[in-house]
Protein backbone atom coordinates (compact mmCIF):
# COMPACT_ATOMS: atom_id res chain seq x y z
CA MET A 1 84.07 18.52 77.69
CA ASN A 2 84.58 14.80 77.39
CA ARG A 3 87.98 15.12 78.70
CA VAL A 4 86.85 17.24 81.58
CA LYS A 5 84.25 14.45 82.09
CA LYS A 6 86.73 11.79 82.34
CA ILE A 7 89.08 13.75 84.72
CA ILE A 8 85.89 14.03 87.07
CA ILE A 9 85.04 10.35 86.62
CA LEU A 10 88.59 9.52 87.72
CA ILE A 11 88.77 11.72 90.62
CA VAL A 12 85.57 10.31 91.71
CA ILE A 13 86.80 6.76 91.36
CA ILE A 14 89.97 7.88 93.08
CA ILE A 15 88.01 9.33 96.01
CA LEU A 16 85.51 6.02 95.93
CA ALA A 17 88.65 3.90 96.25
CA PHE A 18 90.17 5.65 99.25
CA VAL A 19 86.57 5.54 100.90
CA SER A 20 86.32 1.75 100.27
CA LEU A 21 89.95 1.13 101.60
CA PHE A 22 89.29 3.29 104.75
CA SER A 23 85.86 1.22 104.98
CA ILE A 24 87.82 -1.79 104.84
CA LEU A 25 90.62 -1.12 107.37
CA HIS A 26 87.93 0.29 109.74
CA SER A 27 85.69 -2.84 109.69
CA LEU A 28 89.03 -4.86 110.27
CA LYS A 29 89.79 -2.63 113.13
CA GLU A 30 86.52 -3.16 114.44
CA ALA A 31 86.56 -6.84 113.96
CA LYS A 32 89.94 -7.02 115.42
CA LYS A 33 88.29 -5.24 118.67
CA LEU A 34 85.24 -7.32 118.83
CA ALA A 35 87.48 -10.42 118.74
CA SER A 36 89.62 -9.06 121.42
CA ASN A 37 86.68 -8.24 123.35
CA GLN A 38 85.25 -11.63 123.12
CA GLU A 39 88.38 -13.25 124.12
CA GLN A 40 88.16 -11.06 127.20
CA ILE A 41 84.63 -11.96 127.85
CA ASP A 42 85.29 -15.89 127.55
CA LYS A 43 88.41 -15.29 129.96
CA ILE A 44 86.38 -13.53 132.20
CA ALA A 45 83.45 -16.30 132.21
CA SER A 46 86.26 -18.89 132.67
CA ASP A 47 87.66 -17.20 135.71
CA LEU A 48 84.25 -16.77 137.12
CA GLU A 49 83.22 -20.23 136.99
CA ALA A 50 86.47 -21.30 138.70
CA ALA A 51 85.79 -19.00 141.26
CA LYS A 52 82.35 -19.93 141.88
CA GLN A 53 83.71 -23.42 142.41
CA LYS A 54 86.20 -22.20 144.90
CA ALA A 55 83.53 -20.00 146.68
CA ASP A 56 81.35 -23.39 146.93
CA ILE A 57 84.20 -25.13 148.40
CA GLU A 58 85.09 -22.46 150.92
CA ASN A 59 81.44 -21.81 151.97
CA GLN A 60 80.88 -25.65 152.40
CA ARG A 61 84.02 -25.91 154.54
CA LEU A 62 82.63 -22.87 156.74
CA VAL A 63 79.36 -24.77 157.12
CA ASP A 64 81.21 -27.81 157.86
CA LEU A 65 83.20 -26.16 160.74
CA ARG A 66 80.22 -24.39 161.96
CA SER A 67 78.12 -27.44 162.23
CA LYS A 68 80.44 -28.84 164.43
CA SER A 69 81.13 -25.41 166.32
CA SER A 70 79.59 -25.05 169.85
CA VAL A 71 79.28 -21.39 169.30
CA ASN A 72 77.06 -21.93 166.48
CA GLN A 73 74.87 -24.40 168.39
CA VAL A 74 74.38 -21.76 170.97
CA PHE A 75 73.19 -19.40 168.16
CA GLN A 76 70.60 -22.03 166.76
CA ASP A 77 69.47 -22.88 170.13
CA GLN A 78 68.83 -19.34 171.07
CA TYR A 79 67.16 -18.31 167.83
CA LEU A 80 64.73 -21.22 168.19
CA LYS A 81 64.01 -20.01 171.80
CA THR A 82 63.62 -16.35 170.57
CA LYS A 83 61.39 -17.44 167.68
CA SER A 84 58.98 -19.52 170.19
CA LEU A 85 58.54 -16.55 172.22
CA VAL A 86 57.73 -14.43 169.57
CA ALA A 87 55.18 -16.77 168.55
CA GLU A 88 53.71 -16.82 172.06
CA THR A 89 52.36 -13.21 170.97
CA ASP A 90 50.76 -14.23 167.87
CA VAL A 91 47.56 -13.91 169.59
CA PHE A 92 47.64 -10.40 169.42
CA PHE A 93 47.63 -10.31 165.69
CA ASN A 94 46.11 -11.33 162.48
CA ASN A 95 48.54 -12.76 159.79
CA ALA A 96 50.94 -12.52 162.48
CA ASP A 97 53.84 -14.46 160.55
CA THR A 98 53.37 -12.46 157.29
CA ASN A 99 54.47 -9.33 155.84
CA HIS A 100 51.20 -7.70 156.77
CA PRO A 101 50.61 -8.21 160.62
CA GLU A 102 47.73 -6.56 162.01
CA ILE A 103 46.66 -6.00 165.85
CA ARG A 104 43.80 -7.51 166.71
CA ILE A 105 43.05 -5.86 169.84
CA SER A 106 41.43 -2.49 169.88
CA ILE A 107 44.02 0.55 170.34
CA LYS A 108 42.85 4.09 170.32
CA ASP A 109 46.16 5.44 169.34
CA LYS A 110 46.39 4.76 165.62
CA VAL A 111 50.00 5.74 165.47
CA ALA A 112 50.81 3.22 168.45
CA ALA A 113 48.69 0.77 166.12
CA GLN A 114 50.84 1.06 163.05
CA GLU A 115 53.99 1.09 165.19
CA ILE A 116 53.40 -2.46 166.30
CA ASN A 117 52.36 -3.67 163.36
CA ARG A 118 55.65 -2.42 161.71
CA ARG A 119 57.78 -3.82 164.39
CA ARG A 120 55.96 -7.17 164.23
CA GLN A 121 56.64 -7.42 160.48
CA GLU A 122 60.43 -6.26 160.74
CA ILE A 123 60.67 -8.95 163.78
CA ASN A 124 59.82 -11.66 161.08
CA GLU A 125 62.64 -10.55 158.77
CA LEU A 126 65.14 -10.32 161.83
CA LEU A 127 64.30 -13.86 162.52
CA GLN A 128 64.57 -14.92 158.93
CA THR A 129 68.18 -13.27 158.70
CA TRP A 130 69.28 -14.79 161.84
CA SER A 131 68.04 -18.30 160.68
CA ASP A 132 69.88 -17.88 157.25
CA ASN A 133 73.17 -16.54 159.03
CA ASN A 134 73.02 -19.77 161.19
CA ALA A 135 73.61 -21.76 158.06
CA HIS A 136 75.04 -19.47 155.49
CA SER A 137 76.59 -16.33 157.12
CA LEU A 138 80.29 -15.55 155.96
CA GLU A 139 80.57 -13.28 158.79
CA THR A 140 82.90 -13.98 161.94
CA ASN A 141 81.18 -14.90 165.31
CA GLN A 142 81.69 -11.55 166.61
CA VAL A 143 79.90 -10.09 163.68
CA LEU A 144 77.22 -12.58 163.93
CA ILE A 145 76.63 -11.71 167.80
CA ASN A 146 76.49 -8.01 167.13
CA GLN A 147 73.75 -8.88 164.58
CA ILE A 148 72.02 -11.10 167.20
CA LYS A 149 72.34 -8.55 169.90
CA THR A 150 70.69 -5.93 167.62
CA ALA A 151 67.62 -8.19 166.68
CA LEU A 152 67.18 -8.93 170.49
CA LEU A 153 66.94 -5.20 171.36
CA PHE A 154 64.44 -4.73 168.97
CA ILE A 155 62.33 -7.45 169.95
CA GLN A 156 62.65 -6.31 173.58
CA ALA A 157 61.25 -2.97 172.61
CA TYR A 158 58.22 -4.77 170.83
CA ILE A 159 57.74 -6.75 173.80
CA GLU A 160 57.75 -3.65 175.88
CA GLN A 161 55.25 -2.05 173.62
CA LEU A 162 52.81 -5.12 174.27
CA ARG A 163 53.13 -4.81 177.66
CA LYS A 164 51.73 -1.08 177.84
CA ILE A 165 49.03 -2.18 175.46
CA THR A 166 47.97 -5.09 177.37
CA ALA A 167 48.19 -2.90 180.89
CA ASP A 168 45.47 -1.06 179.33
CA LEU A 169 43.08 -3.52 178.09
CA ALA A 170 40.55 -3.13 180.84
CA THR A 171 39.85 0.45 179.62
CA THR A 172 40.59 0.36 176.00
CA ASN A 173 38.79 -3.16 175.47
CA PRO A 174 35.99 -3.45 177.94
CA SER A 175 34.38 -6.30 176.20
CA LEU A 176 37.25 -8.49 177.41
CA THR A 177 36.87 -10.63 180.69
CA LYS A 178 39.11 -10.39 183.52
CA ALA A 179 40.58 -13.64 182.84
CA GLU A 180 41.21 -12.89 178.91
CA ILE A 181 43.33 -9.62 180.23
CA SER A 182 44.96 -11.76 182.75
CA SER A 183 45.76 -14.19 180.03
CA TYR A 184 47.14 -11.68 177.55
CA GLN A 185 49.30 -10.02 180.46
CA LYS A 186 50.71 -13.22 181.39
CA ILE A 187 51.77 -13.96 177.85
CA VAL A 188 53.50 -10.98 177.39
CA LYS A 189 55.20 -11.30 180.93
CA ASN A 190 56.40 -14.76 179.87
CA SER A 191 57.78 -13.90 176.85
CA SER A 192 59.71 -10.77 178.40
CA ALA A 193 61.42 -13.51 180.96
CA ASP A 194 62.29 -16.06 178.15
CA LEU A 195 63.89 -12.96 176.07
CA GLU A 196 66.13 -11.95 179.00
CA LYS A 197 67.44 -15.41 179.34
CA VAL A 198 68.37 -15.41 175.67
CA ILE A 199 70.23 -12.27 176.11
CA ALA A 200 72.19 -13.49 178.98
CA ILE A 201 73.19 -16.50 177.14
CA ILE A 202 74.06 -14.32 174.17
CA LYS A 203 76.35 -12.15 176.46
CA GLN A 204 77.98 -15.05 177.91
CA THR A 205 78.58 -16.55 174.65
CA GLU A 206 80.37 -13.11 173.65
CA ILE A 207 82.70 -12.99 176.57
CA LEU A 208 83.56 -16.92 175.44
CA ILE A 209 84.62 -15.98 172.16
CA ASN A 210 86.57 -13.13 173.24
CA ASN A 211 88.52 -15.22 175.89
CA PRO A 212 92.11 -16.09 174.72
CA ALA A 213 92.02 -19.65 175.98
CA ALA A 214 88.68 -20.08 173.79
CA ASN A 215 90.17 -18.41 170.63
CA ALA A 216 92.85 -21.19 169.90
CA ASP A 217 89.45 -23.37 169.32
CA LEU A 218 87.75 -20.71 167.22
CA ALA A 219 90.75 -19.53 165.21
CA GLU A 220 90.35 -22.13 162.37
CA GLU A 221 86.55 -21.31 162.04
CA GLU A 222 87.21 -17.71 161.79
CA ARG A 223 90.00 -18.15 159.41
CA GLN A 224 87.36 -20.28 157.09
CA ALA A 225 84.94 -17.26 157.58
CA GLU A 226 87.24 -14.71 155.95
CA ALA A 227 88.48 -17.07 153.31
CA ALA A 228 85.00 -18.00 152.37
CA LYS A 229 83.98 -14.45 152.51
CA GLY A 230 86.94 -13.40 150.09
CA ALA A 231 86.04 -15.92 147.61
CA SER A 232 82.58 -14.86 147.37
CA ALA A 233 83.60 -11.52 147.01
CA GLU A 234 85.84 -12.71 144.32
CA VAL A 235 82.80 -14.16 142.37
CA THR A 236 81.08 -10.78 142.67
CA ASN A 237 83.79 -8.78 141.26
CA LEU A 238 84.00 -11.03 138.23
CA GLU A 239 80.31 -11.08 137.92
CA ASN A 240 80.41 -7.13 137.61
CA LYS A 241 83.68 -7.54 135.10
CA LEU A 242 81.66 -9.60 133.09
CA ILE A 243 78.71 -7.37 132.88
CA GLU A 244 80.67 -4.37 131.91
CA ALA A 245 82.61 -6.41 129.12
CA GLU A 246 79.51 -7.71 127.59
CA ALA A 247 77.83 -4.18 127.81
CA THR A 248 80.99 -3.08 125.76
CA SER A 249 80.67 -5.68 123.41
CA THR A 250 76.88 -5.11 122.84
CA VAL A 251 77.76 -1.06 122.01
CA MET A 252 80.70 -2.25 119.76
CA VAL A 253 78.28 -4.45 117.76
CA ALA A 254 75.68 -2.00 117.60
CA THR A 255 78.14 0.81 116.22
CA SER A 256 79.66 -1.68 114.01
CA THR A 257 76.11 -2.46 112.56
CA ALA A 258 74.90 1.13 112.23
CA ALA A 259 77.91 1.96 110.21
CA THR A 260 77.72 -0.90 107.99
CA THR A 261 73.80 0.03 107.17
CA ALA A 262 74.38 3.60 106.92
CA THR A 263 73.00 5.44 103.85
CA THR A 264 75.60 5.12 100.90
CA THR A 265 76.80 7.92 98.84
CA ASP A 266 76.01 8.90 95.23
CA SER A 267 78.54 6.92 92.85
CA THR A 268 79.21 7.51 89.12
CA THR A 269 79.37 4.58 86.72
CA GLY A 270 82.02 4.44 83.81
CA ASP A 271 79.62 5.63 81.22
CA GLY A 272 79.36 8.92 82.86
CA THR A 273 76.01 8.46 84.25
CA THR A 274 75.08 9.31 87.88
CA THR A 275 73.44 6.60 90.12
CA THR A 276 72.22 6.89 93.57
CA SER A 277 71.76 3.71 96.10
CA ARG A 278 69.45 3.57 98.99
CA ARG A 279 68.26 7.15 98.91
CA PRO A 280 65.01 7.57 100.72
CA ARG A 281 61.88 8.56 98.27
CA ILE A 282 59.07 10.99 99.45
CA VAL A 283 55.93 9.78 98.26
CA ASN A 284 53.72 13.04 97.41
CA PRO A 285 49.86 13.02 98.60
CA GLU A 286 48.92 13.32 95.02
CA PRO A 287 48.83 9.76 93.35
CA TYR A 288 51.29 8.54 90.79
CA ILE A 289 53.76 11.30 91.53
CA ILE A 290 56.91 10.55 93.46
CA TYR A 291 59.78 12.94 94.19
CA GLN A 292 62.97 11.99 95.52
CA SER A 293 64.90 13.80 98.13
CA ASN A 294 68.34 15.46 97.31
CA PRO A 295 67.98 14.54 93.53
CA ALA A 296 71.05 13.69 91.41
CA PRO A 297 73.52 16.52 90.41
CA TYR A 298 72.00 18.63 87.42
CA ARG A 299 72.51 17.69 84.00
CA ASP A 300 71.84 19.55 80.92
CA THR A 301 68.35 18.18 79.67
CA GLY A 302 67.53 21.19 77.59
CA VAL A 303 64.78 22.32 80.50
CA ASP A 304 65.10 26.09 81.04
CA VAL A 305 65.84 25.97 84.79
CA VAL A 306 65.39 29.45 85.51
CA ASN A 307 61.91 29.95 84.12
CA SER A 308 60.68 26.18 85.14
CA PRO A 309 57.85 26.07 87.38
CA ALA A 310 58.64 26.27 91.18
CA THR A 311 57.21 22.82 91.79
CA PRO A 312 59.11 19.73 91.59
CA LEU A 313 59.02 17.62 88.37
CA SER A 314 57.08 14.41 88.56
CA LYS A 315 59.43 11.29 88.14
CA GLN A 316 58.17 11.03 84.43
CA ASP A 317 59.77 14.42 83.67
CA TRP A 318 63.19 13.62 85.29
């Protein structure tokens, strides 16, 4: 019997040795992966920093070129004129320059009232985008002109809607005097005329930049716009790569930690006794009686297992 026990102990020791060896090799492999991934993260971070510096330089060159550009000066001048003519219509709204403008004059058609409020709110955003593009856009002049033309068409529709609203003031707002109504109508008429002038100038500018004779002067600015756009795209690409690499590293660390802290198996000591490490214990509601889940293998203790009670043995009876 002792010989059988010794053979079993030897087999268990060999198995545990193989398990330990596998665990060590696996840990070394995971550590190597983590180190390799960290090297990749460090390289991407370094490349990203260099790319940001390059993008800053390219963007600043574009800003400098555009500050001297006659086309950019046109964009800025027409932006200011458009902003001014839109501001003339503030009299029709509460909170005109916010995200929640509200038409002040009475409109029977509630859908039309909501529509004019929405249009004014979107115009505020369009004007802000136009202003930002004048200083920081990476697009070419033609792309910027296309965006400006779209904004002007939207503003034109907004002023036309105001024209219809003010045309009906005599019937929809009888409390207004004739002079007040005339004043409102004049504001809309002047804004419409000013907008037509802006549209005409933008069209002339578009013809200019597409003129082969003018293209020679604008070629450097166009090339710089493309360079700045490419540099910014590279920054975005590296930022995405860094996010992916860091996410992969986080998963690897979590997996490695979970494997390290996993519940261990039973082990047999040299004296032939069986021990269990880090096994969960279940506490019975009855005081002072603790039961262990999945107890150690059966040992001959002289207890009649067949005729033993169905209830688990208390800790003192193990």
